[in-house]
PDB file of all heavy atoms in Angstrom:
ATOM      1  N   GLN A   1       5.450  -8.901   4.024  1.00  0.00           N
ATOM      2  CA  GLN A   1       6.099  -8.594   5.295  1.00  0.00           C
ATOM      3  C   GLN A   1       5.465  -7.415   6.029  1.00  0.00           C
ATOM      4  O   GLN A   1       5.445  -7.394   7.261  1.00  0.00           O
ATOM      5  CB  GLN A   1       7.590  -8.296   5.066  1.00  0.00           C
ATOM      6  CG  GLN A   1       8.348  -9.425   4.403  1.00  0.00           C
ATOM      7  CD  GLN A   1       8.216 -10.743   5.151  1.00  0.00           C
ATOM      8  OE1 GLN A   1       8.231 -10.783   6.379  1.00  0.00           O
ATOM      9  NE2 GLN A   1       8.062 -11.823   4.404  1.00  0.00           N
ATOM     10  N   PHE A   2       4.926  -6.443   5.304  1.00  0.00           N
ATOM     11  CA  PHE A   2       4.495  -5.194   5.923  1.00  0.00           C
ATOM     12  C   PHE A   2       3.019  -4.864   5.707  1.00  0.00           C
ATOM     13  O   PHE A   2       2.557  -3.802   6.130  1.00  0.00           O
ATOM     14  CB  PHE A   2       5.347  -4.024   5.402  1.00  0.00           C
ATOM     15  CG  PHE A   2       6.803  -4.181   5.698  1.00  0.00           C
ATOM     16  CD1 PHE A   2       7.701  -4.524   4.701  1.00  0.00           C
ATOM     17  CD2 PHE A   2       7.290  -4.016   6.999  1.00  0.00           C
ATOM     18  CE1 PHE A   2       9.051  -4.684   4.974  1.00  0.00           C
ATOM     19  CE2 PHE A   2       8.627  -4.177   7.280  1.00  0.00           C
ATOM     20  CZ  PHE A   2       9.512  -4.509   6.269  1.00  0.00           C
ATOM     21  N   ALA A   3       2.281  -5.763   5.065  1.00  0.00           N
ATOM     22  CA  ALA A   3       0.845  -5.520   4.866  1.00  0.00           C
ATOM     23  C   ALA A   3       0.058  -6.785   5.161  1.00  0.00           C
ATOM     24  O   ALA A   3      -0.917  -7.101   4.488  1.00  0.00           O
ATOM     25  CB  ALA A   3       0.591  -5.033   3.442  1.00  0.00           C
ATOM     26  N   ARG A   4       0.469  -7.477   6.204  1.00  0.00           N
ATOM     27  CA  ARG A   4      -0.161  -8.760   6.518  1.00  0.00           C
ATOM     28  C   ARG A   4      -1.605  -8.616   6.979  1.00  0.00           C
ATOM     29  O   ARG A   4      -2.393  -9.564   6.885  1.00  0.00           O
ATOM     30  CB  ARG A   4       0.646  -9.478   7.594  1.00  0.00           C
ATOM     31  CG  ARG A   4       2.030  -9.921   7.134  1.00  0.00           C
ATOM     32  CD  ARG A   4       2.807 -10.604   8.239  1.00  0.00           C
ATOM     33  NE  ARG A   4       4.135 -11.010   7.806  1.00  0.00           N
ATOM     34  CZ  ARG A   4       5.034 -11.554   8.595  1.00  0.00           C
ATOM     35  NH1 ARG A   4       4.747 -11.771   9.873  1.00  0.00           N
ATOM     36  NH2 ARG A   4       6.231 -11.898   8.119  1.00  0.00           N
ATOM     37  N   GLU A   5      -1.970  -7.415   7.471  1.00  0.00           N
ATOM     38  CA  GLU A   5      -3.344  -7.227   7.942  1.00  0.00           C
ATOM     39  C   GLU A   5      -4.323  -7.042   6.787  1.00  0.00           C
ATOM     40  O   GLU A   5      -5.548  -7.072   6.979  1.00  0.00           O
ATOM     41  CB  GLU A   5      -3.409  -6.003   8.871  1.00  0.00           C
ATOM     42  CG  GLU A   5      -3.449  -4.640   8.182  1.00  0.00           C
ATOM     43  CD  GLU A   5      -2.093  -4.172   7.667  1.00  0.00           C
ATOM     44  OE1 GLU A   5      -1.123  -4.951   7.742  1.00  0.00           O
ATOM     45  OE2 GLU A   5      -2.007  -3.023   7.200  1.00  0.00           O
ATOM     46  N   LEU A   6      -3.785  -6.850   5.581  1.00  0.00           N
ATOM     47  CA  LEU A   6      -4.624  -6.629   4.404  1.00  0.00           C
ATOM     48  C   LEU A   6      -4.799  -7.931   3.631  1.00  0.00           C
ATOM     49  O   LEU A   6      -3.928  -8.798   3.631  1.00  0.00           O
ATOM     50  CB  LEU A   6      -3.987  -5.587   3.489  1.00  0.00           C
ATOM     51  CG  LEU A   6      -3.716  -4.214   4.109  1.00  0.00           C
ATOM     52  CD1 LEU A   6      -2.923  -3.345   3.133  1.00  0.00           C
ATOM     53  CD2 LEU A   6      -5.023  -3.538   4.487  1.00  0.00           C
ATOM     54  N   THR A   7      -5.935  -8.069   2.963  1.00  0.00           N
ATOM     55  CA  THR A   7      -6.127  -9.230   2.098  1.00  0.00           C
ATOM     56  C   THR A   7      -5.216  -9.093   0.885  1.00  0.00           C
ATOM     57  O   THR A   7      -4.806  -7.992   0.508  1.00  0.00           O
ATOM     58  CB  THR A   7      -7.581  -9.329   1.619  1.00  0.00           C
ATOM     59  OG1 THR A   7      -7.876  -8.207   0.776  1.00  0.00           O
ATOM     60  CG2 THR A   7      -8.546  -9.345   2.797  1.00  0.00           C
ATOM     61  N   ARG A   8      -4.917 -10.210   0.251  1.00  0.00           N
ATOM     62  CA  ARG A   8      -4.058 -10.176  -0.932  1.00  0.00           C
ATOM     63  C   ARG A   8      -4.689  -9.323  -2.032  1.00  0.00           C
ATOM     64  O   ARG A   8      -4.001  -8.678  -2.808  1.00  0.00           O
ATOM     65  CB  ARG A   8      -3.807 -11.601  -1.445  1.00  0.00           C
ATOM     66  CG  ARG A   8      -2.953 -12.443  -0.497  1.00  0.00           C
ATOM     67  CD  ARG A   8      -2.797 -13.860  -1.028  1.00  0.00           C
ATOM     68  NE  ARG A   8      -1.957 -13.929  -2.197  1.00  0.00           N
ATOM     69  CZ  ARG A   8      -0.636 -14.112  -2.164  1.00  0.00           C
ATOM     70  NH1 ARG A   8      -0.017 -14.201  -0.990  1.00  0.00           N
ATOM     71  NH2 ARG A   8       0.055 -14.182  -3.274  1.00  0.00           N
ATOM     72  N   GLU A   9      -6.034  -9.314  -2.089  1.00  0.00           N
ATOM     73  CA  GLU A   9      -6.725  -8.546  -3.118  1.00  0.00           C
ATOM     74  C   GLU A   9      -6.607  -7.043  -2.880  1.00  0.00           C
ATOM     75  O   GLU A   9      -6.531  -6.250  -3.826  1.00  0.00           O
ATOM     76  CB  GLU A   9      -8.208  -8.943  -3.184  1.00  0.00           C
ATOM     77  CG  GLU A   9      -8.474 -10.373  -3.655  1.00  0.00           C
ATOM     78  CD  GLU A   9      -8.155 -11.425  -2.601  1.00  0.00           C
ATOM     79  OE1 GLU A   9      -8.053 -11.063  -1.411  1.00  0.00           O
ATOM     80  OE2 GLU A   9      -7.986 -12.607  -2.973  1.00  0.00           O
ATOM     81  N   ASP A  10      -6.594  -6.626  -1.610  1.00  0.00           N
ATOM     82  CA  ASP A  10      -6.587  -5.193  -1.286  1.00  0.00           C
ATOM     83  C   ASP A  10      -5.191  -4.626  -1.058  1.00  0.00           C
ATOM     84  O   ASP A  10      -5.008  -3.398  -1.076  1.00  0.00           O
ATOM     85  CB  ASP A  10      -7.411  -4.940  -0.013  1.00  0.00           C
ATOM     86  CG  ASP A  10      -8.881  -5.268  -0.220  1.00  0.00           C
ATOM     87  OD1 ASP A  10      -9.333  -5.259  -1.379  1.00  0.00           O
ATOM     88  OD2 ASP A  10      -9.565  -5.533   0.785  1.00  0.00           O
ATOM     89  N   ALA A  11      -4.210  -5.485  -0.833  1.00  0.00           N
ATOM     90  CA  ALA A  11      -2.915  -5.012  -0.349  1.00  0.00           C
ATOM     91  C   ALA A  11      -2.241  -4.054  -1.317  1.00  0.00           C
ATOM     92  O   ALA A  11      -1.815  -2.959  -0.923  1.00  0.00           O
ATOM     93  CB  ALA A  11      -1.999  -6.207  -0.063  1.00  0.00           C
ATOM     94  N   PHE A  12      -2.136  -4.415  -2.591  1.00  0.00           N
ATOM     95  CA  PHE A  12      -1.394  -3.569  -3.520  1.00  0.00           C
ATOM     96  C   PHE A  12      -2.076  -2.234  -3.753  1.00  0.00           C
ATOM     97  O   PHE A  12      -1.408  -1.199  -3.870  1.00  0.00           O
ATOM     98  CB  PHE A  12      -1.156  -4.293  -4.844  1.00  0.00           C
ATOM     99  CG  PHE A  12      -0.055  -5.324  -4.791  1.00  0.00           C
ATOM    100  CD1 PHE A  12      -0.238  -6.583  -5.318  1.00  0.00           C
ATOM    101  CD2 PHE A  12       1.164  -5.021  -4.207  1.00  0.00           C
ATOM    102  CE1 PHE A  12       0.771  -7.535  -5.278  1.00  0.00           C
ATOM    103  CE2 PHE A  12       2.188  -5.963  -4.149  1.00  0.00           C
ATOM    104  CZ  PHE A  12       1.987  -7.224  -4.685  1.00  0.00           C
ATOM    105  N   SER A  13      -3.408  -2.218  -3.819  1.00  0.00           N
ATOM    106  CA  SER A  13      -4.097  -0.934  -4.017  1.00  0.00           C
ATOM    107  C   SER A  13      -3.921  -0.037  -2.797  1.00  0.00           C
ATOM    108  O   SER A  13      -3.717   1.179  -2.930  1.00  0.00           O
ATOM    109  CB  SER A  13      -5.581  -1.160  -4.316  1.00  0.00           C
ATOM    110  OG  SER A  13      -6.225  -1.820  -3.236  1.00  0.00           O
ATOM    111  N   THR A  14      -3.959  -0.613  -1.594  1.00  0.00           N
ATOM    112  CA  THR A  14      -3.761   0.185  -0.382  1.00  0.00           C
ATOM    113  C   THR A  14      -2.339   0.725  -0.307  1.00  0.00           C
ATOM    114  O   THR A  14      -2.117   1.908  -0.004  1.00  0.00           O
ATOM    115  CB  THR A  14      -4.068  -0.668   0.860  1.00  0.00           C
ATOM    116  OG1 THR A  14      -5.424  -1.110   0.804  1.00  0.00           O
ATOM    117  CG2 THR A  14      -3.841   0.130   2.142  1.00  0.00           C
ATOM    118  N   LEU A  15      -1.362  -0.126  -0.589  1.00  0.00           N
ATOM    119  CA  LEU A  15       0.025   0.322  -0.570  1.00  0.00           C
ATOM    120  C   LEU A  15       0.264   1.413  -1.620  1.00  0.00           C
ATOM    121  O   LEU A  15       0.993   2.381  -1.369  1.00  0.00           O
ATOM    122  CB  LEU A  15       0.965  -0.859  -0.832  1.00  0.00           C
ATOM    123  CG  LEU A  15       1.068  -1.901   0.289  1.00  0.00           C
ATOM    124  CD1 LEU A  15       1.858  -3.114  -0.186  1.00  0.00           C
ATOM    125  CD2 LEU A  15       1.706  -1.309   1.537  1.00  0.00           C
ATOM    126  N   ALA A  16      -0.346   1.266  -2.789  1.00  0.00           N
ATOM    127  CA  ALA A  16      -0.188   2.278  -3.837  1.00  0.00           C
ATOM    128  C   ALA A  16      -0.751   3.622  -3.385  1.00  0.00           C
ATOM    129  O   ALA A  16      -0.132   4.675  -3.602  1.00  0.00           O
ATOM    130  CB  ALA A  16      -0.864   1.816  -5.122  1.00  0.00           C
ATOM    131  N   GLN A  17      -1.909   3.601  -2.742  1.00  0.00           N
ATOM    132  CA  GLN A  17      -2.513   4.846  -2.254  1.00  0.00           C
ATOM    133  C   GLN A  17      -1.617   5.511  -1.208  1.00  0.00           C
ATOM    134  O   GLN A  17      -1.428   6.733  -1.218  1.00  0.00           O
ATOM    135  CB  GLN A  17      -3.891   4.557  -1.653  1.00  0.00           C
ATOM    136  CG  GLN A  17      -4.944   4.172  -2.681  1.00  0.00           C
ATOM    137  CD  GLN A  17      -6.218   3.663  -2.037  1.00  0.00           C
ATOM    138  OE1 GLN A  17      -6.404   3.742  -0.818  1.00  0.00           O
ATOM    139  NE2 GLN A  17      -7.108   3.109  -2.851  1.00  0.00           N
ATOM    140  N   GLU A  18      -1.050   4.703  -0.319  1.00  0.00           N
ATOM    141  CA  GLU A  18      -0.169   5.257   0.714  1.00  0.00           C
ATOM    142  C   GLU A  18       1.092   5.856   0.079  1.00  0.00           C
ATOM    143  O   GLU A  18       1.553   6.936   0.484  1.00  0.00           O
ATOM    144  CB  GLU A  18       0.218   4.164   1.712  1.00  0.00           C
ATOM    145  CG  GLU A  18      -0.948   3.682   2.568  1.00  0.00           C
ATOM    146  CD  GLU A  18      -0.559   2.544   3.507  1.00  0.00           C
ATOM    147  OE1 GLU A  18       0.639   2.163   3.513  1.00  0.00           O
ATOM    148  OE2 GLU A  18      -1.440   2.038   4.224  1.00  0.00           O
ATOM    149  N   ALA A  19       1.635   5.186  -0.928  1.00  0.00           N
ATOM    150  CA  ALA A  19       2.851   5.684  -1.571  1.00  0.00           C
ATOM    151  C   ALA A  19       2.576   6.933  -2.396  1.00  0.00           C
ATOM    152  O   ALA A  19       3.406   7.860  -2.434  1.00  0.00           O
ATOM    153  CB  ALA A  19       3.454   4.592  -2.450  1.00  0.00           C
ATOM    154  N   GLU A  20       1.424   6.984  -3.057  1.00  0.00           N
ATOM    155  CA  GLU A  20       1.088   8.152  -3.879  1.00  0.00           C
ATOM    156  C   GLU A  20       0.845   9.394  -3.033  1.00  0.00           C
ATOM    157  O   GLU A  20       0.950  10.521  -3.546  1.00  0.00           O
ATOM    158  CB  GLU A  20      -0.135   7.836  -4.742  1.00  0.00           C
ATOM    159  CG  GLU A  20       0.188   6.886  -5.903  1.00  0.00           C
ATOM    160  CD  GLU A  20      -1.053   6.333  -6.572  1.00  0.00           C
ATOM    161  OE1 GLU A  20      -2.178   6.698  -6.144  1.00  0.00           O
ATOM    162  OE2 GLU A  20      -0.903   5.525  -7.509  1.00  0.00           O
ATOM    163  N   ALA A  21       0.566   9.213  -1.764  1.00  0.00           N
ATOM    164  CA  ALA A  21       0.375  10.361  -0.871  1.00  0.00           C
ATOM    165  C   ALA A  21       1.709  10.977  -0.443  1.00  0.00           C
ATOM    166  O   ALA A  21       1.726  12.045   0.174  1.00  0.00           O
ATOM    167  CB  ALA A  21      -0.418   9.932   0.365  1.00  0.00           C
ATOM    168  N   ILE A  22       2.817  10.310  -0.752  1.00  0.00           N
ATOM    169  CA  ILE A  22       4.153  10.788  -0.404  1.00  0.00           C
ATOM    170  C   ILE A  22       4.774  11.466  -1.619  1.00  0.00           C
ATOM    171  O   ILE A  22       4.643  10.996  -2.750  1.00  0.00           O
ATOM    172  CB  ILE A  22       5.047   9.605   0.044  1.00  0.00           C
ATOM    173  CG1 ILE A  22       4.367   8.795   1.167  1.00  0.00           C
ATOM    174  CG2 ILE A  22       6.414  10.107   0.475  1.00  0.00           C
ATOM    175  CD1 ILE A  22       4.048   9.581   2.407  1.00  0.00           C
ATOM    176  N   ALA A  23       5.457  12.555  -1.422  1.00  0.00           N
ATOM    177  CA  ALA A  23       6.082  13.291  -2.529  1.00  0.00           C
ATOM    178  C   ALA A  23       7.233  12.493  -3.124  1.00  0.00           C
ATOM    179  O   ALA A  23       7.872  11.687  -2.423  1.00  0.00           O
ATOM    180  CB  ALA A  23       6.587  14.642  -2.032  1.00  0.00           C
ATOM    181  N   PRO A  24       7.522  12.693  -4.419  1.00  0.00           N
ATOM    182  CA  PRO A  24       8.692  12.047  -5.017  1.00  0.00           C
ATOM    183  C   PRO A  24       9.955  12.319  -4.194  1.00  0.00           C
ATOM    184  O   PRO A  24      10.162  13.416  -3.685  1.00  0.00           O
ATOM    185  CB  PRO A  24       8.785  12.710  -6.403  1.00  0.00           C
ATOM    186  CG  PRO A  24       7.378  13.096  -6.721  1.00  0.00           C
ATOM    187  CD  PRO A  24       6.769  13.503  -5.402  1.00  0.00           C
ATOM    188  N   GLY A  25      10.770  11.281  -4.056  1.00  0.00           N
ATOM    189  CA  GLY A  25      11.958  11.376  -3.223  1.00  0.00           C
ATOM    190  C   GLY A  25      11.774  10.766  -1.858  1.00  0.00           C
ATOM    191  O   GLY A  25      12.735  10.588  -1.109  1.00  0.00           O
TER     192      GLY A  25
END
């Protein structure tokens, strides 16, 4: 729903990088 511009192969790694840049909470 929210990463349609990314390939299926790249989507989870990109989302993980974006989430890891955010502090816990």
